[in-house]
Amino acid sequence: MTDDRHPVVLAGEDLETWAGLATVLEWLPPALDAPLVHAFDLTHFEYGILFALASAPDRTLRMSDLAGFANSSLSRLSRAVSRLQSRGWVQRSQDPRDGRSTRATLTDAGLEVINEATPGHVDTVRRLVLDPLTAAQKRQLHDITLRIQQAIRAQEGWRPPRSVRSPAASD
């Protein structure tokens, strides 16, 4: 059964809007990866893991919580954390409150990497996403992304606690 309110194809302004967003969704991840990979051999996904850990209490999160923040399967997250762990940037340990859970903790070396990587990453985000927009467009983009997130799932994505500053600002 078809819904008479929505045609079965996208056309006109709807198609242009969707095509523009789909293009950004395809182009932005490699554009965010490139400078991080070049300078630190670190993907944007891995940067996000380090950033979340740097912003967490005691620089530690349960792997399941970290997977939720990263919108990642536990297996994808585990592979990324294994790579970060092999570089000495993250440690894993059993959760003392729940022996069935594993925690990831950012090491001092990992904190150093995130602090070194953050200024360049912020420059990339500003150059690619924020600087091309007016203040009003930034507010609109914020509102739009929240609405899309809520349409996808009711649960909000990761946000740093209000009392936590960005890792690079903690020096």
N, C-alpha and C. Protein backbone atom coordinates (compact mmCIF):
# COMPACT_ATOMS: atom_id res chain seq x y z
N MET A 1 0.84 -1.17 0.00
CA MET A 1 0.00 0.00 0.00
C MET A 1 0.89 1.25 0.00
N THR A 2 0.57 2.21 -0.84
CA THR A 2 1.37 3.43 -0.90
C THR A 2 0.69 4.53 -0.10
N ASP A 3 1.51 5.44 0.33
CA ASP A 3 1.01 6.60 1.08
C ASP A 3 0.82 7.72 0.07
N ASP A 4 -0.42 8.16 -0.11
CA ASP A 4 -0.72 9.19 -1.11
C ASP A 4 -0.10 10.54 -0.77
N ARG A 5 0.32 10.74 0.47
CA ARG A 5 0.91 12.03 0.85
C ARG A 5 2.33 12.17 0.34
N HIS A 6 3.02 11.07 0.09
CA HIS A 6 4.42 11.11 -0.35
C HIS A 6 4.59 10.35 -1.65
N PRO A 7 5.09 10.99 -2.67
CA PRO A 7 5.34 10.25 -3.91
C PRO A 7 6.42 9.19 -3.69
N VAL A 8 6.46 8.19 -4.56
CA VAL A 8 7.41 7.09 -4.39
C VAL A 8 8.80 7.42 -4.89
N VAL A 9 8.98 8.60 -5.47
CA VAL A 9 10.30 9.04 -5.91
C VAL A 9 10.58 10.43 -5.32
N LEU A 10 11.86 10.73 -5.21
CA LEU A 10 12.24 12.08 -4.81
C LEU A 10 12.42 12.90 -6.08
N ALA A 11 11.95 14.13 -6.03
CA ALA A 11 12.07 15.00 -7.20
C ALA A 11 12.16 16.45 -6.72
N GLY A 12 12.59 17.28 -7.62
CA GLY A 12 12.61 18.72 -7.35
C GLY A 12 13.45 19.08 -6.15
N GLU A 13 12.91 19.95 -5.31
CA GLU A 13 13.63 20.45 -4.14
C GLU A 13 13.96 19.33 -3.15
N ASP A 14 13.05 18.36 -3.00
CA ASP A 14 13.34 17.24 -2.10
C ASP A 14 14.56 16.46 -2.57
N LEU A 15 14.63 16.19 -3.87
CA LEU A 15 15.78 15.47 -4.43
C LEU A 15 17.05 16.28 -4.28
N GLU A 16 16.98 17.57 -4.56
CA GLU A 16 18.17 18.42 -4.42
C GLU A 16 18.65 18.48 -2.97
N THR A 17 17.71 18.59 -2.03
CA THR A 17 18.08 18.64 -0.61
C THR A 17 18.72 17.33 -0.19
N TRP A 18 18.08 16.21 -0.55
CA TRP A 18 18.63 14.91 -0.18
C TRP A 18 19.99 14.68 -0.85
N ALA A 19 20.11 15.00 -2.13
CA ALA A 19 21.37 14.79 -2.85
C ALA A 19 22.50 15.62 -2.22
N GLY A 20 22.18 16.83 -1.81
CA GLY A 20 23.19 17.67 -1.16
C GLY A 20 23.65 17.06 0.16
N LEU A 21 22.71 16.60 0.96
CA LEU A 21 23.07 15.97 2.23
C LEU A 21 23.82 14.67 2.00
N ALA A 22 23.36 13.86 1.07
CA ALA A 22 24.03 12.59 0.78
C ALA A 22 25.47 12.83 0.33
N THR A 23 25.68 13.86 -0.46
CA THR A 23 27.04 14.19 -0.91
C THR A 23 27.91 14.58 0.28
N VAL A 24 27.39 15.41 1.17
CA VAL A 24 28.15 15.80 2.37
C VAL A 24 28.46 14.56 3.20
N LEU A 25 27.49 13.66 3.35
CA LEU A 25 27.71 12.44 4.14
C LEU A 25 28.81 11.58 3.54
N GLU A 26 28.97 11.61 2.23
CA GLU A 26 30.02 10.84 1.56
C GLU A 26 31.37 11.55 1.58
N TRP A 27 31.36 12.87 1.37
CA TRP A 27 32.61 13.62 1.25
C TRP A 27 33.24 13.98 2.58
N LEU A 28 32.44 14.24 3.61
CA LEU A 28 32.99 14.76 4.86
C LEU A 28 33.88 13.76 5.60
N PRO A 29 33.49 12.50 5.76
CA PRO A 29 34.36 11.59 6.53
C PRO A 29 35.79 11.49 5.99
N PRO A 30 36.01 11.27 4.68
CA PRO A 30 37.41 11.23 4.23
C PRO A 30 38.12 12.57 4.36
N ALA A 31 37.37 13.68 4.25
CA ALA A 31 37.99 15.00 4.42
C ALA A 31 38.41 15.22 5.87
N LEU A 32 37.67 14.66 6.82
CA LEU A 32 38.06 14.74 8.22
C LEU A 32 39.19 13.77 8.54
N ASP A 33 39.19 12.61 7.91
CA ASP A 33 40.24 11.61 8.12
C ASP A 33 41.61 12.08 7.64
N ALA A 34 41.65 12.68 6.45
CA ALA A 34 42.92 12.93 5.77
C ALA A 34 43.97 13.64 6.63
N PRO A 35 43.67 14.79 7.25
CA PRO A 35 44.72 15.44 8.03
C PRO A 35 45.12 14.64 9.28
N LEU A 36 44.15 13.95 9.90
CA LEU A 36 44.46 13.15 11.09
C LEU A 36 45.34 11.95 10.72
N VAL A 37 45.01 11.30 9.62
CA VAL A 37 45.81 10.15 9.17
C VAL A 37 47.21 10.62 8.80
N HIS A 38 47.30 11.73 8.08
CA HIS A 38 48.60 12.25 7.65
C HIS A 38 49.50 12.59 8.84
N ALA A 39 48.96 13.28 9.81
CA ALA A 39 49.77 13.78 10.93
C ALA A 39 49.93 12.78 12.06
N PHE A 40 48.92 11.92 12.28
CA PHE A 40 48.94 11.07 13.47
C PHE A 40 48.63 9.61 13.19
N ASP A 41 48.42 9.24 11.93
CA ASP A 41 47.99 7.88 11.57
C ASP A 41 46.77 7.50 12.40
N LEU A 42 45.80 8.41 12.44
CA LEU A 42 44.62 8.30 13.29
C LEU A 42 43.40 8.63 12.45
N THR A 43 42.39 7.76 12.44
CA THR A 43 41.17 8.07 11.70
C THR A 43 40.29 8.99 12.55
N HIS A 44 39.31 9.60 11.90
CA HIS A 44 38.36 10.45 12.63
C HIS A 44 37.59 9.62 13.65
N PHE A 45 37.26 8.39 13.32
CA PHE A 45 36.57 7.50 14.26
C PHE A 45 37.44 7.26 15.50
N GLU A 46 38.72 6.98 15.29
CA GLU A 46 39.64 6.77 16.41
C GLU A 46 39.83 8.06 17.21
N TYR A 47 39.90 9.19 16.52
CA TYR A 47 39.99 10.48 17.21
C TYR A 47 38.78 10.64 18.13
N GLY A 48 37.60 10.31 17.62
CA GLY A 48 36.39 10.41 18.43
C GLY A 48 36.44 9.56 19.68
N ILE A 49 37.03 8.38 19.57
CA ILE A 49 37.20 7.51 20.74
C ILE A 49 38.11 8.18 21.76
N LEU A 50 39.24 8.67 21.30
CA LEU A 50 40.19 9.34 22.21
C LEU A 50 39.56 10.57 22.83
N PHE A 51 38.83 11.35 22.04
CA PHE A 51 38.19 12.57 22.55
C PHE A 51 37.16 12.23 23.62
N ALA A 52 36.33 11.21 23.35
CA ALA A 52 35.32 10.81 24.34
C ALA A 52 35.98 10.35 25.64
N LEU A 53 37.05 9.58 25.52
CA LEU A 53 37.74 9.12 26.73
C LEU A 53 38.39 10.29 27.46
N ALA A 54 38.97 11.23 26.73
CA ALA A 54 39.61 12.39 27.36
C ALA A 54 38.60 13.24 28.12
N SER A 55 37.36 13.23 27.67
CA SER A 55 36.32 14.04 28.29
C SER A 55 35.57 13.31 29.40
N ALA A 56 35.82 12.02 29.56
CA ALA A 56 35.09 11.21 30.54
C ALA A 56 35.75 11.31 31.91
N PRO A 57 34.96 11.09 32.96
CA PRO A 57 35.55 11.05 34.31
C PRO A 57 36.65 9.99 34.37
N ASP A 58 37.77 10.34 34.93
CA ASP A 58 38.93 9.46 35.03
C ASP A 58 39.41 8.95 33.68
N ARG A 59 39.00 9.65 32.61
CA ARG A 59 39.38 9.27 31.23
C ARG A 59 39.02 7.82 30.94
N THR A 60 37.89 7.35 31.50
CA THR A 60 37.50 5.95 31.39
C THR A 60 36.01 5.83 31.07
N LEU A 61 35.69 4.91 30.14
CA LEU A 61 34.31 4.58 29.81
C LEU A 61 34.18 3.08 29.61
N ARG A 62 33.00 2.55 29.94
CA ARG A 62 32.71 1.16 29.60
C ARG A 62 32.66 1.07 28.08
N MET A 63 33.13 -0.04 27.55
CA MET A 63 33.15 -0.23 26.10
C MET A 63 31.74 -0.11 25.52
N SER A 64 30.74 -0.64 26.22
CA SER A 64 29.37 -0.56 25.72
C SER A 64 28.90 0.89 25.64
N ASP A 65 29.26 1.72 26.62
CA ASP A 65 28.89 3.13 26.58
C ASP A 65 29.63 3.84 25.45
N LEU A 66 30.89 3.53 25.30
CA LEU A 66 31.70 4.13 24.24
C LEU A 66 31.14 3.75 22.87
N ALA A 67 30.71 2.51 22.71
CA ALA A 67 30.11 2.07 21.45
C ALA A 67 28.84 2.85 21.16
N GLY A 68 28.05 3.09 22.20
CA GLY A 68 26.83 3.88 22.02
C GLY A 68 27.13 5.29 21.59
N PHE A 69 28.11 5.92 22.23
CA PHE A 69 28.48 7.29 21.86
C PHE A 69 28.99 7.35 20.42
N ALA A 70 29.75 6.32 20.03
CA ALA A 70 30.36 6.30 18.70
C ALA A 70 29.42 5.76 17.63
N ASN A 71 28.20 5.34 18.03
CA ASN A 71 27.26 4.71 17.11
C ASN A 71 27.96 3.57 16.39
N SER A 72 28.59 2.73 17.16
CA SER A 72 29.42 1.67 16.61
C SER A 72 29.01 0.33 17.21
N SER A 73 29.22 -0.72 16.45
CA SER A 73 29.07 -2.05 17.02
C SER A 73 30.23 -2.27 17.98
N LEU A 74 30.03 -3.16 18.93
CA LEU A 74 31.12 -3.48 19.86
C LEU A 74 32.31 -4.07 19.12
N SER A 75 32.06 -4.85 18.07
CA SER A 75 33.19 -5.46 17.35
C SER A 75 34.02 -4.39 16.62
N ARG A 76 33.36 -3.42 15.97
CA ARG A 76 34.11 -2.34 15.30
C ARG A 76 34.89 -1.53 16.33
N LEU A 77 34.21 -1.19 17.43
CA LEU A 77 34.87 -0.43 18.48
C LEU A 77 36.05 -1.21 19.05
N SER A 78 35.87 -2.49 19.28
CA SER A 78 36.94 -3.32 19.85
C SER A 78 38.16 -3.33 18.93
N ARG A 79 37.94 -3.44 17.62
CA ARG A 79 39.07 -3.41 16.68
C ARG A 79 39.80 -2.07 16.75
N ALA A 80 39.04 -0.98 16.80
CA ALA A 80 39.67 0.35 16.88
C ALA A 80 40.42 0.51 18.20
N VAL A 81 39.81 0.09 19.30
CA VAL A 81 40.48 0.20 20.60
C VAL A 81 41.72 -0.68 20.64
N SER A 82 41.68 -1.85 20.00
CA SER A 82 42.87 -2.71 19.93
C SER A 82 44.01 -1.98 19.22
N ARG A 83 43.68 -1.29 18.15
CA ARG A 83 44.71 -0.52 17.42
C ARG A 83 45.27 0.59 18.31
N LEU A 84 44.38 1.31 19.00
CA LEU A 84 44.82 2.38 19.89
C LEU A 84 45.62 1.81 21.06
N GLN A 85 45.21 0.66 21.54
CA GLN A 85 45.91 0.00 22.65
C GLN A 85 47.31 -0.43 22.20
N SER A 86 47.45 -0.93 20.98
CA SER A 86 48.76 -1.36 20.49
C SER A 86 49.73 -0.19 20.37
N ARG A 87 49.18 1.01 20.28
CA ARG A 87 50.01 2.22 20.19
C ARG A 87 50.26 2.84 21.57
N GLY A 88 49.68 2.22 22.61
CA GLY A 88 49.88 2.71 23.96
C GLY A 88 49.00 3.88 24.34
N TRP A 89 47.94 4.12 23.58
CA TRP A 89 47.08 5.28 23.80
C TRP A 89 45.85 4.96 24.65
N VAL A 90 45.48 3.70 24.71
CA VAL A 90 44.30 3.25 25.46
C VAL A 90 44.67 1.95 26.18
N GLN A 91 44.12 1.78 27.36
CA GLN A 91 44.24 0.51 28.09
C GLN A 91 42.84 -0.03 28.33
N ARG A 92 42.75 -1.35 28.34
CA ARG A 92 41.47 -1.99 28.70
C ARG A 92 41.63 -2.67 30.04
N SER A 93 40.53 -2.69 30.78
CA SER A 93 40.51 -3.38 32.07
C SER A 93 39.10 -3.85 32.35
N GLN A 94 39.02 -4.79 33.27
CA GLN A 94 37.71 -5.27 33.70
C GLN A 94 37.07 -4.22 34.59
N ASP A 95 35.78 -4.01 34.43
CA ASP A 95 35.05 -3.05 35.25
C ASP A 95 34.92 -3.64 36.66
N PRO A 96 35.48 -2.97 37.68
CA PRO A 96 35.43 -3.53 39.03
C PRO A 96 34.01 -3.63 39.59
N ARG A 97 33.09 -2.82 39.06
CA ARG A 97 31.70 -2.87 39.54
C ARG A 97 30.90 -3.96 38.85
N ASP A 98 31.36 -4.40 37.68
CA ASP A 98 30.65 -5.41 36.91
C ASP A 98 31.69 -6.21 36.14
N GLY A 99 32.07 -7.35 36.65
CA GLY A 99 33.14 -8.15 36.07
C GLY A 99 32.89 -8.59 34.64
N ARG A 100 31.65 -8.47 34.18
CA ARG A 100 31.35 -8.87 32.80
C ARG A 100 31.66 -7.76 31.80
N SER A 101 31.90 -6.56 32.28
CA SER A 101 32.11 -5.41 31.40
C SER A 101 33.59 -5.04 31.33
N THR A 102 33.95 -4.50 30.18
CA THR A 102 35.31 -4.02 29.96
C THR A 102 35.28 -2.51 29.87
N ARG A 103 36.30 -1.89 30.44
CA ARG A 103 36.44 -0.44 30.39
C ARG A 103 37.64 -0.09 29.51
N ALA A 104 37.55 1.06 28.87
CA ALA A 104 38.67 1.62 28.12
C ALA A 104 39.11 2.88 28.84
N THR A 105 40.41 3.02 29.01
CA THR A 105 40.97 4.19 29.69
C THR A 105 42.02 4.82 28.81
N LEU A 106 41.94 6.12 28.66
CA LEU A 106 42.94 6.88 27.91
C LEU A 106 44.22 6.97 28.73
N THR A 107 45.33 6.60 28.14
CA THR A 107 46.62 6.69 28.83
C THR A 107 47.16 8.12 28.74
N ASP A 108 48.22 8.38 29.48
CA ASP A 108 48.88 9.69 29.38
C ASP A 108 49.37 9.93 27.95
N ALA A 109 49.90 8.89 27.31
CA ALA A 109 50.36 9.02 25.92
C ALA A 109 49.18 9.32 25.00
N GLY A 110 48.04 8.69 25.24
CA GLY A 110 46.85 8.97 24.45
C GLY A 110 46.35 10.39 24.64
N LEU A 111 46.42 10.87 25.88
CA LEU A 111 46.03 12.25 26.16
C LEU A 111 46.95 13.22 25.42
N GLU A 112 48.22 12.90 25.39
CA GLU A 112 49.17 13.74 24.66
C GLU A 112 48.82 13.79 23.17
N VAL A 113 48.47 12.64 22.60
CA VAL A 113 48.10 12.58 21.17
C VAL A 113 46.84 13.39 20.91
N ILE A 114 45.82 13.22 21.75
CA ILE A 114 44.57 13.95 21.51
C ILE A 114 44.81 15.46 21.66
N ASN A 115 45.64 15.84 22.60
CA ASN A 115 45.95 17.26 22.77
C ASN A 115 46.73 17.82 21.58
N GLU A 116 47.59 17.01 20.99
CA GLU A 116 48.33 17.44 19.81
C GLU A 116 47.46 17.46 18.56
N ALA A 117 46.53 16.50 18.46
CA ALA A 117 45.70 16.38 17.26
C ALA A 117 44.54 17.38 17.25
N THR A 118 44.06 17.78 18.40
CA THR A 118 42.85 18.59 18.47
C THR A 118 42.96 19.94 17.76
N PRO A 119 44.02 20.72 17.92
CA PRO A 119 44.04 22.01 17.21
C PRO A 119 43.91 21.88 15.69
N GLY A 120 44.60 20.93 15.10
CA GLY A 120 44.49 20.72 13.65
C GLY A 120 43.11 20.23 13.25
N HIS A 121 42.55 19.35 14.08
CA HIS A 121 41.20 18.84 13.79
C HIS A 121 40.17 19.96 13.88
N VAL A 122 40.30 20.80 14.89
CA VAL A 122 39.39 21.95 15.03
C VAL A 122 39.53 22.86 13.81
N ASP A 123 40.75 23.09 13.37
CA ASP A 123 40.95 23.91 12.16
C ASP A 123 40.24 23.29 10.95
N THR A 124 40.34 21.97 10.80
CA THR A 124 39.67 21.28 9.69
C THR A 124 38.16 21.42 9.79
N VAL A 125 37.61 21.20 10.98
CA VAL A 125 36.16 21.32 11.17
C VAL A 125 35.71 22.75 10.88
N ARG A 126 36.46 23.71 11.37
CA ARG A 126 36.09 25.10 11.10
C ARG A 126 36.13 25.39 9.60
N ARG A 127 37.20 24.98 8.95
CA ARG A 127 37.38 25.28 7.52
C ARG A 127 36.32 24.61 6.66
N LEU A 128 35.99 23.35 6.97
CA LEU A 128 35.07 22.59 6.13
C LEU A 128 33.60 22.79 6.47
N VAL A 129 33.29 23.02 7.75
CA VAL A 129 31.89 23.01 8.17
C VAL A 129 31.43 24.36 8.72
N LEU A 130 32.16 24.93 9.63
CA LEU A 130 31.66 26.10 10.35
C LEU A 130 31.92 27.42 9.65
N ASP A 131 33.14 27.64 9.17
CA ASP A 131 33.49 28.93 8.56
C ASP A 131 32.67 29.28 7.32
N PRO A 132 32.28 28.29 6.49
CA PRO A 132 31.46 28.65 5.32
C PRO A 132 30.04 29.13 5.67
N LEU A 133 29.63 28.98 6.93
CA LEU A 133 28.27 29.30 7.34
C LEU A 133 28.20 30.61 8.10
N THR A 134 27.06 31.28 7.98
CA THR A 134 26.80 32.45 8.82
C THR A 134 26.39 31.96 10.21
N ALA A 135 26.33 32.87 11.16
CA ALA A 135 25.89 32.49 12.52
C ALA A 135 24.48 31.90 12.48
N ALA A 136 23.61 32.49 11.70
CA ALA A 136 22.23 31.98 11.59
C ALA A 136 22.23 30.58 10.97
N GLN A 137 23.06 30.36 9.97
CA GLN A 137 23.12 29.04 9.34
C GLN A 137 23.68 27.99 10.30
N LYS A 138 24.64 28.38 11.14
CA LYS A 138 25.15 27.44 12.14
C LYS A 138 24.05 27.03 13.10
N ARG A 139 23.26 27.98 13.55
CA ARG A 139 22.12 27.66 14.43
C ARG A 139 21.13 26.75 13.71
N GLN A 140 20.86 27.04 12.45
CA GLN A 140 19.95 26.21 11.67
C GLN A 140 20.51 24.80 11.50
N LEU A 141 21.79 24.71 11.20
CA LEU A 141 22.42 23.39 11.04
C LEU A 141 22.33 22.60 12.35
N HIS A 142 22.56 23.28 13.46
CA HIS A 142 22.43 22.62 14.77
C HIS A 142 21.02 22.09 14.96
N ASP A 143 20.03 22.92 14.69
CA ASP A 143 18.63 22.49 14.84
C ASP A 143 18.29 21.35 13.87
N ILE A 144 18.76 21.46 12.65
CA ILE A 144 18.49 20.43 11.64
C ILE A 144 19.11 19.10 12.05
N THR A 145 20.36 19.13 12.48
CA THR A 145 21.01 17.87 12.84
C THR A 145 20.34 17.23 14.05
N LEU A 146 19.89 18.04 15.00
CA LEU A 146 19.17 17.48 16.15
C LEU A 146 17.88 16.81 15.71
N ARG A 147 17.15 17.43 14.81
CA ARG A 147 15.89 16.85 14.34
C ARG A 147 16.14 15.53 13.60
N ILE A 148 17.18 15.50 12.77
CA ILE A 148 17.50 14.27 12.05
C ILE A 148 17.93 13.18 13.04
N GLN A 149 18.76 13.55 14.02
CA GLN A 149 19.17 12.57 15.04
C GLN A 149 17.95 12.01 15.76
N GLN A 150 17.02 12.87 16.12
CA GLN A 150 15.82 12.41 16.84
C GLN A 150 14.94 11.54 15.95
N ALA A 151 14.92 11.80 14.65
CA ALA A 151 14.16 10.95 13.74
C ALA A 151 14.79 9.56 13.62
N ILE A 152 16.12 9.52 13.73
CA ILE A 152 16.82 8.24 13.64
C ILE A 152 16.66 7.44 14.92
N ARG A 153 16.85 8.10 16.04
CA ARG A 153 16.68 7.43 17.33
C ARG A 153 16.44 8.48 18.40
N ALA A 154 15.66 8.08 19.38
CA ALA A 154 15.28 9.01 20.44
C ALA A 154 16.46 9.37 21.34
N GLN A 155 17.38 8.45 21.49
CA GLN A 155 18.53 8.67 22.38
C GLN A 155 19.48 9.69 21.77
N GLU A 156 19.92 10.63 22.59
CA GLU A 156 20.87 11.63 22.11
C GLU A 156 22.25 11.01 21.93
N GLY A 157 23.04 11.61 21.07
CA GLY A 157 24.42 11.19 20.88
C GLY A 157 25.29 11.70 22.01
N TRP A 158 26.55 11.40 21.93
CA TRP A 158 27.51 11.77 22.97
C TRP A 158 27.65 13.28 23.05
N ARG A 159 27.72 13.78 24.27
CA ARG A 159 28.02 15.19 24.53
C ARG A 159 28.98 15.23 25.71
N PRO A 160 29.95 16.13 25.67
CA PRO A 160 30.83 16.22 26.82
C PRO A 160 30.07 16.78 28.02
N PRO A 161 30.41 16.34 29.21
CA PRO A 161 29.77 16.94 30.39
C PRO A 161 30.05 18.43 30.40
N ARG A 162 29.13 19.22 30.91
CA ARG A 162 29.28 20.68 30.91
C ARG A 162 30.54 21.13 31.64
N SER A 163 30.97 20.37 32.63
CA SER A 163 32.13 20.78 33.41
C SER A 163 33.44 20.43 32.73
N VAL A 164 33.40 19.72 31.61
CA VAL A 164 34.62 19.28 30.94
C VAL A 164 34.90 20.18 29.76
N ARG A 165 36.13 20.69 29.71
CA ARG A 165 36.54 21.47 28.56
C ARG A 165 37.14 20.53 27.53
N SER A 166 37.37 21.01 26.33
CA SER A 166 37.97 20.17 25.31
C SER A 166 39.35 19.73 25.80
N PRO A 167 39.84 18.55 25.36
CA PRO A 167 41.12 18.05 25.83
C PRO A 167 42.26 19.04 25.60
N ALA A 168 42.29 19.70 24.48
CA ALA A 168 43.38 20.64 24.20
C ALA A 168 43.34 21.84 25.13
N ALA A 169 42.17 22.15 25.64
CA ALA A 169 42.04 23.32 26.53
C ALA A 169 42.46 23.01 27.96
N SER A 170 42.78 21.75 28.26
CA SER A 170 43.08 21.38 29.64
C SER A 170 44.53 21.62 30.03
N ASP A 171 45.32 22.13 29.12
CA ASP A 171 46.73 22.41 29.45
C ASP A 171 46.86 23.61 30.36
